[in-house]
PDB file of N, CA and C in Angstrom:
ATOM      1  N   UNK A   1      15.922 -26.378  15.337  1.00  0.00           N
ATOM      2  CA  UNK A   1      16.030 -25.453  16.382  1.00  0.00           C
ATOM      3  C   UNK A   1      16.217 -26.143  17.735  1.00  0.00           C
ATOM      4  N   UNK A   2      16.997 -25.185  18.443  1.00  0.00           N
ATOM      5  CA  UNK A   2      17.408 -25.499  19.643  1.00  0.00           C
ATOM      6  C   UNK A   2      16.581 -26.242  20.716  1.00  0.00           C
ATOM      7  N   UNK A   3      17.397 -27.064  21.575  1.00  0.00           N
ATOM      8  CA  UNK A   3      16.199 -27.693  22.349  1.00  0.00           C
ATOM      9  C   UNK A   3      15.362 -26.888  23.302  1.00  0.00           C
ATOM     10  N   UNK A   4      14.449 -26.653  23.800  1.00  0.00           N
ATOM     11  CA  UNK A   4      13.934 -25.851  24.581  1.00  0.00           C
ATOM     12  C   UNK A   4      13.902 -24.334  24.507  1.00  0.00           C
ATOM     13  N   UNK A   5      14.435 -23.830  23.258  1.00  0.00           N
ATOM     14  CA  UNK A   5      14.544 -22.541  23.167  1.00  0.00           C
ATOM     15  C   UNK A   5      13.460 -22.524  21.693  1.00  0.00           C
ATOM     16  N   UNK A   6      12.493 -21.141  21.956  1.00  0.00           N
ATOM     17  CA  UNK A   6      11.621 -21.372  20.606  1.00  0.00           C
ATOM     18  C   UNK A   6      12.526 -20.641  19.606  1.00  0.00           C
ATOM     19  N   UNK A   7      12.117 -20.060  18.325  1.00  0.00           N
ATOM     20  CA  UNK A   7      12.743 -19.567  17.265  1.00  0.00           C
ATOM     21  C   UNK A   7      12.871 -17.844  18.167  1.00  0.00           C
ATOM     22  N   UNK A   8      13.774 -17.107  17.049  1.00  0.00           N
ATOM     23  CA  UNK A   8      14.460 -16.138  17.453  1.00  0.00           C
ATOM     24  C   UNK A   8      13.617 -15.281  16.323  1.00  0.00           C
ATOM     25  N   UNK A   9      12.944 -14.426  16.903  1.00  0.00           N
ATOM     26  CA  UNK A   9      12.482 -13.241  15.609  1.00  0.00           C
ATOM     27  C   UNK A   9      13.896 -12.051  15.700  1.00  0.00           C
ATOM     28  N   UNK A  10      13.641 -11.865  14.646  1.00  0.00           N
ATOM     29  CA  UNK A  10      14.805 -11.002  14.147  1.00  0.00           C
ATOM     30  C   UNK A  10      14.668  -9.308  14.140  1.00  0.00           C
ATOM     31  N   UNK A  11      13.304  -9.129  14.426  1.00  0.00           N
ATOM     32  CA  UNK A  11      12.638  -7.583  14.403  1.00  0.00           C
ATOM     33  C   UNK A  11      12.164  -7.483  13.105  1.00  0.00           C
ATOM     34  N   UNK A  12      11.760  -8.189  12.125  1.00  0.00           N
ATOM     35  CA  UNK A  12      11.285  -7.814  10.720  1.00  0.00           C
ATOM     36  C   UNK A  12      10.092  -8.826  10.607  1.00  0.00           C
ATOM     37  N   UNK A  13       9.985  -9.628  11.800  1.00  0.00           N
ATOM     38  CA  UNK A  13       8.717 -10.560  11.658  1.00  0.00           C
ATOM     39  C   UNK A  13       9.392 -11.704  11.167  1.00  0.00           C
ATOM     40  N   UNK A  14      10.462 -12.131  10.455  1.00  0.00           N
ATOM     41  CA  UNK A  14      10.906 -13.773  10.274  1.00  0.00           C
ATOM     42  C   UNK A  14      11.385 -14.021  11.425  1.00  0.00           C
ATOM     43  N   UNK A  15      11.313 -15.473  11.018  1.00  0.00           N
ATOM     44  CA  UNK A  15      12.186 -16.283  12.041  1.00  0.00           C
ATOM     45  C   UNK A  15      13.302 -16.616  11.691  1.00  0.00           C
ATOM     46  N   UNK A  16      14.390 -16.748  12.794  1.00  0.00           N
ATOM     47  CA  UNK A  16      15.453 -17.743  12.031  1.00  0.00           C
ATOM     48  C   UNK A  16      16.157 -18.404  13.589  1.00  0.00           C
ATOM     49  N   UNK A  17      16.493 -19.661  13.569  1.00  0.00           N
ATOM     50  CA  UNK A  17      16.892 -20.632  14.295  1.00  0.00           C
ATOM     51  C   UNK A  17      18.294 -20.484  14.210  1.00  0.00           C
ATOM     52  N   UNK A  18      19.450 -19.690  13.977  1.00  0.00           N
ATOM     53  CA  UNK A  18      20.675 -19.338  13.454  1.00  0.00           C
ATOM     54  C   UNK A  18      21.164 -20.250  13.061  1.00  0.00           C
ATOM     55  N   UNK A  19      20.610 -20.925  11.999  1.00  0.00           N
ATOM     56  CA  UNK A  19      21.093 -21.539  11.367  1.00  0.00           C
ATOM     57  C   UNK A  19      20.427 -21.678   9.841  1.00  0.00           C
ATOM     58  N   UNK A  20      18.913 -21.292   9.744  1.00  0.00           N
ATOM     59  CA  UNK A  20      18.065 -21.050   8.648  1.00  0.00           C
ATOM     60  C   UNK A  20      18.595 -20.177   7.651  1.00  0.00           C
ATOM     61  N   UNK A  21      18.732 -20.037   6.630  1.00  0.00           N
ATOM     62  CA  UNK A  21      19.027 -19.470   5.477  1.00  0.00           C
ATOM     63  C   UNK A  21      17.427 -18.494   4.919  1.00  0.00           C
ATOM     64  N   UNK A  22      17.430 -17.224   4.883  1.00  0.00           N
ATOM     65  CA  UNK A  22      16.002 -17.020   4.191  1.00  0.00           C
ATOM     66  C   UNK A  22      16.982 -15.803   2.797  1.00  0.00           C
ATOM     67  N   UNK A  23      17.181 -16.572   1.904  1.00  0.00           N
ATOM     68  CA  UNK A  23      17.638 -15.824   0.820  1.00  0.00           C
ATOM     69  C   UNK A  23      16.598 -15.225  -0.226  1.00  0.00           C
ATOM     70  N   UNK A  24      15.863 -15.291   0.111  1.00  0.00           N
ATOM     71  CA  UNK A  24      14.518 -14.684  -1.065  1.00  0.00           C
ATOM     72  C   UNK A  24      13.547 -13.936  -0.722  1.00  0.00           C
ATOM     73  N   UNK A  25      13.289 -12.547  -1.328  1.00  0.00           N
ATOM     74  CA  UNK A  25      12.878 -11.642  -0.490  1.00  0.00           C
ATOM     75  C   UNK A  25      11.758 -11.430  -1.645  1.00  0.00           C
ATOM     76  N   UNK A  26      10.458 -11.133  -0.867  1.00  0.00           N
ATOM     77  CA  UNK A  26       9.160 -10.145  -1.567  1.00  0.00           C
ATOM     78  C   UNK A  26       9.444  -8.695  -1.138  1.00  0.00           C
ATOM     79  N   UNK A  27       9.412  -8.471  -2.778  1.00  0.00           N
ATOM     80  CA  UNK A  27       9.839  -6.633  -2.645  1.00  0.00           C
ATOM     81  C   UNK A  27       8.271  -5.773  -2.934  1.00  0.00           C
ATOM     82  N   UNK A  28       7.632  -4.725  -2.570  1.00  0.00           N
ATOM     83  CA  UNK A  28       6.586  -4.134  -3.122  1.00  0.00           C
ATOM     84  C   UNK A  28       7.309  -2.903  -3.633  1.00  0.00           C
ATOM     85  N   UNK A  29       6.500  -2.450  -4.635  1.00  0.00           N
ATOM     86  CA  UNK A  29       6.834  -0.979  -5.173  1.00  0.00           C
ATOM     87  C   UNK A  29       5.277  -0.291  -5.431  1.00  0.00           C
ATOM     88  N   UNK A  30       5.250   0.597  -4.123  1.00  0.00           N
ATOM     89  CA  UNK A  30       4.352   1.215  -4.337  1.00  0.00           C
ATOM     90  C   UNK A  30       3.881   2.244  -5.819  1.00  0.00           C
ATOM     91  N   UNK A  31       2.877   3.088  -5.931  1.00  0.00           N
ATOM     92  CA  UNK A  31       2.719   3.876  -7.112  1.00  0.00           C
ATOM     93  C   UNK A  31       2.955   5.507  -7.349  1.00  0.00           C
ATOM     94  N   UNK A  32       4.230   5.216  -5.981  1.00  0.00           N
ATOM     95  CA  UNK A  32       4.883   6.541  -6.027  1.00  0.00           C
ATOM     96  C   UNK A  32       6.171   6.159  -6.608  1.00  0.00           C
ATOM     97  N   UNK A  33       6.784   4.694  -6.548  1.00  0.00           N
ATOM     98  CA  UNK A  33       7.773   4.220  -7.134  1.00  0.00           C
ATOM     99  C   UNK A  33       8.959   3.931  -5.448  1.00  0.00           C
ATOM    100  N   UNK A  34       8.092   3.900  -4.357  1.00  0.00           N
ATOM    101  CA  UNK A  34       9.062   3.797  -3.467  1.00  0.00           C
ATOM    102  C   UNK A  34       8.946   1.666  -3.392  1.00  0.00           C
ATOM    103  N   UNK A  35      10.202   1.202  -3.068  1.00  0.00           N
ATOM    104  CA  UNK A  35       9.851  -0.099  -2.607  1.00  0.00           C
ATOM    105  C   UNK A  35      10.947  -0.435  -1.058  1.00  0.00           C
ATOM    106  N   UNK A  36       9.559  -1.425  -1.117  1.00  0.00           N
ATOM    107  CA  UNK A  36       9.492  -1.813   0.383  1.00  0.00           C
ATOM    108  C   UNK A  36       9.860  -3.445   0.754  1.00  0.00           C
ATOM    109  N   UNK A  37      10.851  -4.068   1.771  1.00  0.00           N
ATOM    110  CA  UNK A  37      10.902  -5.583   1.443  1.00  0.00           C
ATOM    111  C   UNK A  37       9.593  -6.197   2.398  1.00  0.00           C
ATOM    112  N   UNK A  38       8.748  -6.720   1.982  1.00  0.00           N
ATOM    113  CA  UNK A  38       7.677  -7.561   2.373  1.00  0.00           C
ATOM    114  C   UNK A  38       7.806  -8.589   3.772  1.00  0.00           C
ATOM    115  N   UNK A  39       8.939  -9.416   3.031  1.00  0.00           N
ATOM    116  CA  UNK A  39       9.176 -10.785   3.846  1.00  0.00           C
ATOM    117  C   UNK A  39      10.253 -11.279   3.003  1.00  0.00           C
ATOM    118  N   UNK A  40      11.165 -12.202   4.253  1.00  0.00           N
ATOM    119  CA  UNK A  40      12.387 -13.271   3.506  1.00  0.00           C
ATOM    120  C   UNK A  40      12.092 -14.425   3.740  1.00  0.00           C
ATOM    121  N   UNK A  41      12.337 -15.279   2.821  1.00  0.00           N
ATOM    122  CA  UNK A  41      11.594 -16.477   2.578  1.00  0.00           C
ATOM    123  C   UNK A  41      12.947 -17.622   2.370  1.00  0.00           C
ATOM    124  N   UNK A  42      12.661 -18.724   2.826  1.00  0.00           N
ATOM    125  CA  UNK A  42      13.777 -19.976   2.434  1.00  0.00           C
ATOM    126  C   UNK A  42      13.698 -20.421   0.871  1.00  0.00           C
ATOM    127  N   UNK A  43      12.964 -20.218   0.147  1.00  0.00           N
ATOM    128  CA  UNK A  43      12.522 -20.794  -0.986  1.00  0.00           C
ATOM    129  C   UNK A  43      11.725 -20.181  -2.070  1.00  0.00           C
ATOM    130  N   UNK A  44      12.243 -19.776  -3.189  1.00  0.00           N
ATOM    131  CA  UNK A  44      11.891 -19.075  -4.048  1.00  0.00           C
ATOM    132  C   UNK A  44      10.154 -19.259  -4.394  1.00  0.00           C
ATOM    133  N   UNK A  45       9.868 -20.554  -4.077  1.00  0.00           N
ATOM    134  CA  UNK A  45       8.668 -20.765  -4.419  1.00  0.00           C
ATOM    135  C   UNK A  45       7.819 -20.141  -3.499  1.00  0.00           C
ATOM    136  N   UNK A  46       8.369 -20.436  -2.097  1.00  0.00           N
ATOM    137  CA  UNK A  46       7.481 -19.674  -1.490  1.00  0.00           C
ATOM    138  C   UNK A  46       7.295 -18.355  -1.463  1.00  0.00           C
ATOM    139  N   UNK A  47       8.386 -17.545  -1.403  1.00  0.00           N
ATOM    140  CA  UNK A  47       8.532 -16.423  -1.590  1.00  0.00           C
ATOM    141  C   UNK A  47       7.245 -15.612  -2.795  1.00  0.00           C
ATOM    142  N   UNK A  48       7.302 -16.550  -4.175  1.00  0.00           N
ATOM    143  CA  UNK A  48       6.509 -16.221  -5.056  1.00  0.00           C
ATOM    144  C   UNK A  48       5.069 -16.309  -4.807  1.00  0.00           C
ATOM    145  N   UNK A  49       4.870 -17.359  -3.943  1.00  0.00           N
ATOM    146  CA  UNK A  49       3.616 -17.939  -3.547  1.00  0.00           C
ATOM    147  C   UNK A  49       2.768 -16.682  -2.947  1.00  0.00           C
ATOM    148  N   UNK A  50       3.783 -15.859  -1.986  1.00  0.00           N
ATOM    149  CA  UNK A  50       3.314 -14.791  -0.955  1.00  0.00           C
ATOM    150  C   UNK A  50       3.055 -13.230  -2.529  1.00  0.00           C
ATOM    151  N   UNK A  51       3.982 -13.478  -3.146  1.00  0.00           N
ATOM    152  CA  UNK A  51       4.197 -11.935  -4.032  1.00  0.00           C
ATOM    153  C   UNK A  51       2.617 -12.500  -4.646  1.00  0.00           C
ATOM    154  N   UNK A  52       2.515 -13.697  -5.345  1.00  0.00           N
ATOM    155  CA  UNK A  52       1.040 -13.597  -6.650  1.00  0.00           C
ATOM    156  C   UNK A  52      -0.069 -13.462  -5.140  1.00  0.00           C
ATOM    157  N   UNK A  53       0.207 -13.998  -4.176  1.00  0.00           N
ATOM    158  CA  UNK A  53      -1.442 -13.796  -3.540  1.00  0.00           C
ATOM    159  C   UNK A  53      -1.490 -12.333  -2.746  1.00  0.00           C
ATOM    160  N   UNK A  54      -0.152 -11.451  -2.783  1.00  0.00           N
ATOM    161  CA  UNK A  54      -0.792  -9.970  -2.253  1.00  0.00           C
ATOM    162  C   UNK A  54      -1.043  -9.197  -3.973  1.00  0.00           C
ATOM    163  N   UNK A  55      -0.297  -9.760  -4.877  1.00  0.00           N
ATOM    164  CA  UNK A  55      -1.027  -9.191  -6.393  1.00  0.00           C
ATOM    165  C   UNK A  55      -2.135  -9.469  -6.748  1.00  0.00           C
ATOM    166  N   UNK A  56      -2.487 -10.858  -5.992  1.00  0.00           N
ATOM    167  CA  UNK A  56      -3.995 -10.777  -6.583  1.00  0.00           C
ATOM    168  C   UNK A  56      -5.271  -9.559  -6.064  1.00  0.00           C
ATOM    169  N   UNK A  57      -4.759  -8.944  -5.121  1.00  0.00           N
ATOM    170  CA  UNK A  57      -5.486  -8.250  -4.010  1.00  0.00           C
ATOM    171  C   UNK A  57      -6.039  -6.552  -5.094  1.00  0.00           C
ATOM    172  N   UNK A  58      -5.439  -6.703  -6.110  1.00  0.00           N
ATOM    173  CA  UNK A  58      -6.048  -5.504  -6.846  1.00  0.00           C
ATOM    174  C   UNK A  58      -6.007  -3.820  -7.003  1.00  0.00           C
ATOM    175  N   UNK A  59      -4.094  -4.149  -5.716  1.00  0.00           N
ATOM    176  CA  UNK A  59      -3.746  -2.654  -5.614  1.00  0.00           C
ATOM    177  C   UNK A  59      -3.372  -2.150  -6.709  1.00  0.00           C
ATOM    178  N   UNK A  60      -2.761  -1.042  -6.481  1.00  0.00           N
ATOM    179  CA  UNK A  60      -1.449  -0.686  -7.695  1.00  0.00           C
ATOM    180  C   UNK A  60      -0.088  -0.888  -7.643  1.00  0.00           C
ATOM    181  N   UNK A  61      -0.098  -1.320  -6.182  1.00  0.00           N
ATOM    182  CA  UNK A  61       1.407  -1.968  -5.786  1.00  0.00           C
ATOM    183  C   UNK A  61       2.030  -2.803  -6.820  1.00  0.00           C
ATOM    184  N   UNK A  62       3.002  -2.949  -7.352  1.00  0.00           N
ATOM    185  CA  UNK A  62       3.577  -4.204  -7.879  1.00  0.00           C
ATOM    186  C   UNK A  62       4.347  -5.305  -6.973  1.00  0.00           C
ATOM    187  N   UNK A  63       4.626  -6.300  -7.218  1.00  0.00           N
ATOM    188  CA  UNK A  63       5.204  -7.217  -6.137  1.00  0.00           C
ATOM    189  C   UNK A  63       6.168  -7.927  -7.094  1.00  0.00           C
ATOM    190  N   UNK A  64       7.456  -8.422  -6.130  1.00  0.00           N
ATOM    191  CA  UNK A  64       8.378  -9.306  -6.798  1.00  0.00           C
ATOM    192  C   UNK A  64       9.199 -10.101  -6.316  1.00  0.00           C
ATOM    193  N   UNK A  65       9.952 -11.252  -6.750  1.00  0.00           N
ATOM    194  CA  UNK A  65      10.671 -11.674  -5.852  1.00  0.00           C
ATOM    195  C   UNK A  65      11.756 -11.633  -6.226  1.00  0.00           C
ATOM    196  N   UNK A  66      13.194 -11.570  -5.898  1.00  0.00           N
ATOM    197  CA  UNK A  66      14.322 -11.307  -6.038  1.00  0.00           C
ATOM    198  C   UNK A  66      15.581 -12.056  -4.444  1.00  0.00           C
ATOM    199  N   UNK A  67      16.371 -12.828  -5.256  1.00  0.00           N
ATOM    200  CA  UNK A  67      17.211 -13.208  -4.257  1.00  0.00           C
ATOM    201  C   UNK A  67      17.896 -12.144  -3.455  1.00  0.00           C
ATOM    202  N   UNK A  68      18.095 -12.504  -2.117  1.00  0.00           N
ATOM    203  CA  UNK A  68      19.242 -11.843  -1.510  1.00  0.00           C
ATOM    204  C   UNK A  68      20.316 -11.389  -2.343  1.00  0.00           C
ATOM    205  N   UNK A  69      21.043  -9.983  -2.363  1.00  0.00           N
ATOM    206  CA  UNK A  69      21.908  -9.439  -3.053  1.00  0.00           C
ATOM    207  C   UNK A  69      21.781  -9.216  -4.605  1.00  0.00           C
ATOM    208  N   UNK A  70      21.112  -9.637  -4.878  1.00  0.00           N
ATOM    209  CA  UNK A  70      20.811  -9.855  -6.828  1.00  0.00           C
ATOM    210  C   UNK A  70      19.394  -8.722  -6.820  1.00  0.00           C
ATOM    211  N   UNK A  71      19.658  -7.035  -6.265  1.00  0.00           N
ATOM    212  CA  UNK A  71      18.696  -6.051  -6.520  1.00  0.00           C
ATOM    213  C   UNK A  71      18.689  -5.755  -7.831  1.00  0.00           C
ATOM    214  N   UNK A  72      17.891  -6.616  -8.704  1.00  0.00           N
ATOM    215  CA  UNK A  72      17.470  -5.898  -9.942  1.00  0.00           C
ATOM    216  C   UNK A  72      17.420  -4.643 -10.519  1.00  0.00           C
ATOM    217  N   UNK A  73      16.861  -3.962  -9.604  1.00  0.00           N
ATOM    218  CA  UNK A  73      16.226  -2.484  -9.979  1.00  0.00           C
ATOM    219  C   UNK A  73      16.749  -1.551  -9.369  1.00  0.00           C
ATOM    220  N   UNK A  74      16.782  -0.142  -9.673  1.00  0.00           N
ATOM    221  CA  UNK A  74      17.138   1.048  -8.728  1.00  0.00           C
ATOM    222  C   UNK A  74      16.107   1.324  -8.018  1.00  0.00           C
ATOM    223  N   UNK A  75      16.769   1.857  -6.604  1.00  0.00           N
ATOM    224  CA  UNK A  75      15.866   1.914  -5.342  1.00  0.00           C
ATOM    225  C   UNK A  75      15.881   3.378  -5.070  1.00  0.00           C
ATOM    226  N   UNK A  76      14.699   3.693  -4.024  1.00  0.00           N
ATOM    227  CA  UNK A  76      15.083   4.648  -3.757  1.00  0.00           C
ATOM    228  C   UNK A  76      16.222   5.121  -2.691  1.00  0.00           C
ATOM    229  N   UNK A  77      17.158   6.291  -3.096  1.00  0.00           N
ATOM    230  CA  UNK A  77      18.165   6.400  -1.764  1.00  0.00           C
ATOM    231  C   UNK A  77      19.483   5.447  -2.059  1.00  0.00           C
ATOM    232  N   UNK A  78      19.277   4.326  -2.808  1.00  0.00           N
ATOM    233  CA  UNK A  78      20.245   3.395  -3.157  1.00  0.00           C
ATOM    234  C   UNK A  78      19.653   1.806  -2.242  1.00  0.00           C
ATOM    235  N   UNK A  79      18.423   2.115  -1.219  1.00  0.00           N
ATOM    236  CA  UNK A  79      17.701   1.071  -0.487  1.00  0.00           C
ATOM    237  C   UNK A  79      16.703   0.597  -0.628  1.00  0.00           C
ATOM    238  N   UNK A  80      16.151  -0.522  -0.598  1.00  0.00           N
ATOM    239  CA  UNK A  80      15.305  -1.231   0.252  1.00  0.00           C
ATOM    240  C   UNK A  80      14.690  -1.020   0.963  1.00  0.00           C
ATOM    241  N   UNK A  81      13.382  -0.370   1.723  1.00  0.00           N
ATOM    242  CA  UNK A  81      12.863  -0.452   2.990  1.00  0.00           C
ATOM    243  C   UNK A  81      12.190  -1.334   3.374  1.00  0.00           C
TER     244      UNK A  81
END
């Protein structure tokens, strides 16, 4: 982190110090098939931990982890929200 300056939030709740890469995404799909990005993470393990914790809540949503740029499924209108 730069001296005297706190982390920068990118507007999606993730932090970026200008050099950190957050290539792992947690994606949620609701029971209507709509997909949303839940968050971005530095490691696959961190992203999987979040996805697993959300998945244990017993909702109808499906959570999974993808690497940025490796969209493995079709999305509504071609984008993940």
